[in-house]
Amino acid sequence: MSRTPQGQRAGLDKSPPEVAAMFDGVAARYDLTNTVLSFGQDRSWRRSTRAALGLLPGERVLDVGAGTGVSTQELARSGAYAVGVDLSQGMLHAGKRVRPEVPLLAGDALRLPFADASFDAVTISFALRNVNDTDAALRELARVTRPGGRLVVCEFSTPVHPAFRTVYLSYLMRSLPVVARAVSSNPDAYVYLAESIRVWPDQAALAARVGAAGWGRVAWRNLTGGVVALHRAVRG
């Protein structure tokens, strides 16, 4: 699978230039498309992520893979200072047009532009599966987090009920690309996104990888029947 200039579809090898170009192509209507494809659940997932981080006023939180900054804006509702980082310039530009008050920076999840122990908490929502080295990204998140700081990974996962899982996978691989053609500025990208969700580790497998990357007290909670899972951990 490869990216074409017309389709801007990344491959499952997750080459950073291809992933960035693909998200540049969906930036214009990204927030609307997510809301439509998730049946509005994206808003509650963002609220749950903020709650799981347990942010306090004055704390510093890093939102990696922030895209247009809608998730960063939600984190700031806690009173914490929230800054977003994303690889896609197109997403950042789209976000700065509609959320000029949200601090958004260009950066790679594998080489974050911050000193060690800079943040009280870090989070990455629906972006970890797009990084070409998941384990290195989890270690880099630990590097910029102070000892005792928190991590929350919000990511698509594996529905726990077998019947629901069958229906969900059918929607993912058949219906989602069709819906995306109606609302997205780059529907081809959603074929890759559906495939990347299908091959992503389940809850227990991701928890093991978080722990192996140096995080402690790893736990997860399912949202929407396991369509999404919140993985929480603490920096040792």
Protein backbone atom coordinates (compact mmCIF):
# COMPACT_ATOMS: atom_id res chain seq x y z
CA MET A 1 0.00 0.00 0.00
CA SER A 2 1.37 3.41 -0.87
CA ARG A 3 0.38 7.02 -0.91
CA THR A 4 -0.57 8.72 -4.13
CA PRO A 5 -0.74 12.49 -4.66
CA GLN A 6 -4.46 12.17 -5.45
CA GLY A 7 -5.49 9.89 -2.61
CA GLN A 8 -2.97 10.86 0.08
CA ARG A 9 -3.36 7.46 1.69
CA ALA A 10 -0.55 6.40 4.02
CA GLY A 11 0.75 2.84 4.20
CA LEU A 12 0.68 0.62 7.25
CA ASP A 13 4.46 1.02 7.54
CA LYS A 14 3.49 4.48 8.89
CA SER A 15 6.21 6.47 7.13
CA PRO A 16 6.17 9.90 8.86
CA PRO A 17 6.13 11.92 5.59
CA GLU A 18 3.23 9.81 4.26
CA VAL A 19 1.27 10.07 7.50
CA ALA A 20 1.82 13.84 7.66
CA ALA A 21 0.76 14.29 4.04
CA MET A 22 -2.34 12.16 4.57
CA PHE A 23 -3.44 14.24 7.55
CA ASP A 24 -2.70 17.44 5.64
CA GLY A 25 -5.27 16.14 3.15
CA VAL A 26 -8.01 15.57 5.73
CA ALA A 27 -7.37 18.70 7.82
CA ALA A 28 -10.04 20.93 6.28
CA ARG A 29 -12.98 18.85 7.55
CA TYR A 30 -11.26 16.60 10.07
CA ASP A 31 -13.25 17.57 13.17
CA LEU A 32 -16.60 17.34 11.38
CA THR A 33 -15.72 13.99 9.83
CA ASN A 34 -14.71 12.53 13.20
CA THR A 35 -17.98 13.62 14.78
CA VAL A 36 -20.04 12.11 11.96
CA LEU A 37 -18.09 8.82 11.82
CA SER A 38 -18.21 8.37 15.61
CA PHE A 39 -21.92 9.27 15.83
CA GLY A 40 -20.95 12.16 18.11
CA GLN A 41 -19.07 9.95 20.58
CA ASP A 42 -15.80 11.81 19.98
CA ARG A 43 -16.92 14.56 22.36
CA SER A 44 -17.51 12.17 25.26
CA TRP A 45 -14.20 10.39 24.54
CA ARG A 46 -12.37 13.72 24.89
CA ARG A 47 -14.14 14.47 28.16
CA SER A 48 -13.27 11.01 29.48
CA THR A 49 -9.61 11.52 28.57
CA ARG A 50 -9.51 14.81 30.48
CA ALA A 51 -11.15 13.19 33.50
CA ALA A 52 -8.75 10.23 33.45
CA LEU A 53 -5.73 12.54 33.56
CA GLY A 54 -6.94 14.08 36.82
CA LEU A 55 -5.54 17.48 35.89
CA LEU A 56 -5.23 20.25 38.45
CA PRO A 57 -5.20 24.00 37.79
CA GLY A 58 -1.66 25.16 37.04
CA GLU A 59 -0.36 21.77 35.95
CA ARG A 60 1.29 21.35 32.55
CA VAL A 61 -0.13 18.77 30.15
CA LEU A 62 1.16 17.77 26.71
CA ASP A 63 -1.28 16.61 24.03
CA VAL A 64 0.64 14.62 21.40
CA GLY A 65 -0.98 14.08 18.01
CA ALA A 66 -3.23 17.03 18.82
CA GLY A 67 -4.29 17.66 15.23
CA THR A 68 -6.47 20.76 15.10
CA GLY A 69 -6.26 21.21 18.86
CA VAL A 70 -9.83 20.24 19.72
CA SER A 71 -8.49 17.73 22.27
CA THR A 72 -6.01 20.29 23.64
CA GLN A 73 -8.82 22.78 24.10
CA GLU A 74 -10.78 20.18 26.08
CA LEU A 75 -7.78 19.52 28.37
CA ALA A 76 -7.46 23.25 29.11
CA ARG A 77 -10.98 23.25 30.57
CA SER A 78 -9.41 21.67 33.67
CA GLY A 79 -7.42 24.84 34.38
CA ALA A 80 -4.14 23.14 33.44
CA TYR A 81 -1.81 24.68 30.86
CA ALA A 82 -2.29 22.47 27.79
CA VAL A 83 -0.02 22.49 24.75
CA GLY A 84 -0.57 20.43 21.61
CA VAL A 85 1.98 18.89 19.24
CA ASP A 86 1.34 17.39 15.83
CA LEU A 87 3.34 16.18 12.83
CA SER A 88 0.93 17.59 10.22
CA GLN A 89 1.34 21.25 9.31
CA GLY A 90 -2.04 21.17 7.61
CA MET A 91 -3.76 20.08 10.81
CA LEU A 92 -1.94 22.73 12.83
CA HIS A 93 -2.85 25.49 10.38
CA ALA A 94 -6.50 24.40 10.39
CA GLY A 95 -6.49 24.40 14.19
CA LYS A 96 -4.87 27.80 14.51
CA ARG A 97 -7.55 29.32 12.28
CA VAL A 98 -10.40 28.21 14.53
CA ARG A 99 -8.60 27.99 17.91
CA PRO A 100 -6.01 30.76 17.92
CA GLU A 101 -5.85 30.70 21.72
CA VAL A 102 -4.66 27.06 21.86
CA PRO A 103 -0.86 26.59 21.89
CA LEU A 104 -0.06 24.25 18.97
CA LEU A 105 3.46 23.28 17.89
CA ALA A 106 4.94 21.17 15.12
CA GLY A 107 6.67 18.07 16.42
CA ASP A 108 7.29 14.35 16.02
CA ALA A 109 6.10 11.94 18.74
CA LEU A 110 9.51 10.23 18.48
CA ARG A 111 11.47 13.47 19.01
CA LEU A 112 9.39 15.79 21.13
CA PRO A 113 10.75 19.37 21.30
CA PHE A 114 10.79 19.53 25.10
CA ALA A 115 13.29 18.95 27.89
CA ASP A 116 13.15 15.95 30.20
CA ALA A 117 10.44 16.01 32.88
CA SER A 118 8.73 19.09 31.40
CA PHE A 119 5.12 18.01 32.02
CA ASP A 120 2.92 16.82 34.87
CA ALA A 121 0.85 14.75 32.44
CA VAL A 122 0.93 13.63 28.82
CA THR A 123 -1.71 12.20 26.55
CA ILE A 124 -2.06 10.94 23.00
CA SER A 125 -5.49 10.42 21.44
CA PHE A 126 -6.10 8.39 18.29
CA ALA A 127 -2.53 8.99 17.15
CA LEU A 128 -0.32 6.35 18.77
CA ARG A 129 -1.29 3.79 16.14
CA ASN A 130 -0.07 6.21 13.43
CA VAL A 131 3.49 6.38 14.83
CA ASN A 132 5.90 4.00 13.11
CA ASP A 133 7.55 2.96 16.41
CA THR A 134 4.93 2.61 19.15
CA ASP A 135 7.39 1.55 21.86
CA ALA A 136 9.81 4.39 21.15
CA ALA A 137 6.92 6.86 21.28
CA LEU A 138 5.84 5.55 24.69
CA ARG A 139 9.43 5.95 25.94
CA GLU A 140 9.59 9.48 24.55
CA LEU A 141 6.35 10.35 26.35
CA ALA A 142 7.94 9.07 29.56
CA ARG A 143 11.05 11.18 28.96
CA VAL A 144 9.13 14.48 28.94
CA THR A 145 6.99 13.52 31.97
CA ARG A 146 8.11 14.24 35.53
CA PRO A 147 8.42 11.33 37.99
CA GLY A 148 4.96 10.61 39.30
CA GLY A 149 3.37 12.21 36.26
CA ARG A 150 0.48 10.61 34.40
CA LEU A 151 -0.10 9.18 30.95
CA VAL A 152 -3.43 8.55 29.24
CA VAL A 153 -3.60 6.90 25.84
CA CYS A 154 -7.00 7.22 24.19
CA GLU A 155 -7.11 4.88 21.21
CA PHE A 156 -9.41 2.67 19.20
CA SER A 157 -9.41 -0.86 20.56
CA THR A 158 -11.26 -4.18 20.47
CA PRO A 159 -14.97 -4.37 21.36
CA VAL A 160 -15.44 -6.86 24.17
CA HIS A 161 -18.79 -8.40 23.13
CA PRO A 162 -18.35 -10.85 20.21
CA ALA A 163 -21.58 -9.92 18.42
CA PHE A 164 -20.91 -6.20 18.75
CA ARG A 165 -17.32 -6.77 17.61
CA THR A 166 -18.57 -8.42 14.41
CA VAL A 167 -20.94 -5.53 13.65
CA TYR A 168 -18.25 -2.96 14.46
CA LEU A 169 -15.63 -4.56 12.20
CA SER A 170 -18.15 -4.67 9.36
CA TYR A 171 -18.88 -0.97 9.84
CA LEU A 172 -15.18 -0.20 10.03
CA MET A 173 -14.15 -1.94 6.83
CA ARG A 174 -17.29 -1.46 4.71
CA SER A 175 -19.42 1.45 5.89
CA LEU A 176 -16.84 3.86 7.30
CA PRO A 177 -15.13 4.54 3.93
CA VAL A 178 -18.55 5.07 2.33
CA VAL A 179 -19.57 7.61 4.98
CA ALA A 180 -16.17 9.29 4.70
CA ARG A 181 -16.73 9.86 0.98
CA ALA A 182 -19.76 11.97 1.88
CA VAL A 183 -18.13 14.20 4.49
CA SER A 184 -14.32 14.05 4.33
CA SER A 185 -12.01 16.27 2.29
CA ASN A 186 -9.88 13.15 1.60
CA PRO A 187 -11.97 9.97 1.91
CA ASP A 188 -9.14 7.69 0.73
CA ALA A 189 -7.34 8.40 3.99
CA TYR A 190 -10.12 6.70 5.93
CA VAL A 191 -9.40 3.40 4.21
CA TYR A 192 -5.96 3.48 5.84
CA LEU A 193 -7.43 4.61 9.16
CA ALA A 194 -9.90 1.71 9.16
CA GLU A 195 -7.13 -0.76 8.37
CA SER A 196 -4.87 0.67 11.05
CA ILE A 197 -7.63 0.22 13.66
CA ARG A 198 -8.24 -3.38 12.58
CA VAL A 199 -4.60 -4.43 13.08
CA TRP A 200 -4.03 -2.45 16.30
CA PRO A 201 -3.27 -4.42 19.53
CA ASP A 202 -6.13 -5.16 21.88
CA GLN A 203 -6.40 -3.72 25.38
CA ALA A 204 -4.18 -6.24 27.18
CA ALA A 205 -1.49 -6.21 24.48
CA LEU A 206 -1.26 -2.41 24.50
CA ALA A 207 -1.13 -2.37 28.31
CA ALA A 208 1.85 -4.73 28.19
CA ARG A 209 3.66 -2.43 25.78
CA VAL A 210 2.98 0.62 27.95
CA GLY A 211 4.47 -1.19 30.94
CA ALA A 212 7.49 -2.38 28.95
CA ALA A 213 8.20 1.24 27.97
CA GLY A 214 8.85 2.17 31.60
CA TRP A 215 5.41 3.21 32.82
CA GLY A 216 3.96 1.81 36.04
CA ARG A 217 0.49 1.15 37.46
CA VAL A 218 -0.89 0.49 33.99
CA ALA A 219 -4.65 0.05 33.75
CA TRP A 220 -7.31 0.51 31.14
CA ARG A 221 -11.00 1.31 30.91
CA ASN A 222 -13.25 0.57 27.95
CA LEU A 223 -15.43 3.23 26.38
CA THR A 224 -18.35 2.50 24.05
CA GLY A 225 -18.07 -1.22 24.65
CA GLY A 226 -14.36 -1.33 23.83
CA VAL A 227 -14.50 0.60 20.55
CA VAL A 228 -12.15 2.92 22.42
CA ALA A 229 -9.98 2.22 25.46
CA LEU A 230 -8.31 4.61 27.86
CA HIS A 231 -4.93 3.30 29.06
CA ARG A 232 -3.66 5.11 32.16
CA ALA A 233 -0.18 4.83 33.68
CA VAL A 234 2.21 6.64 36.01
CA ARG A 235 5.81 7.64 35.42
CA GLY A 236 8.17 5.94 37.88
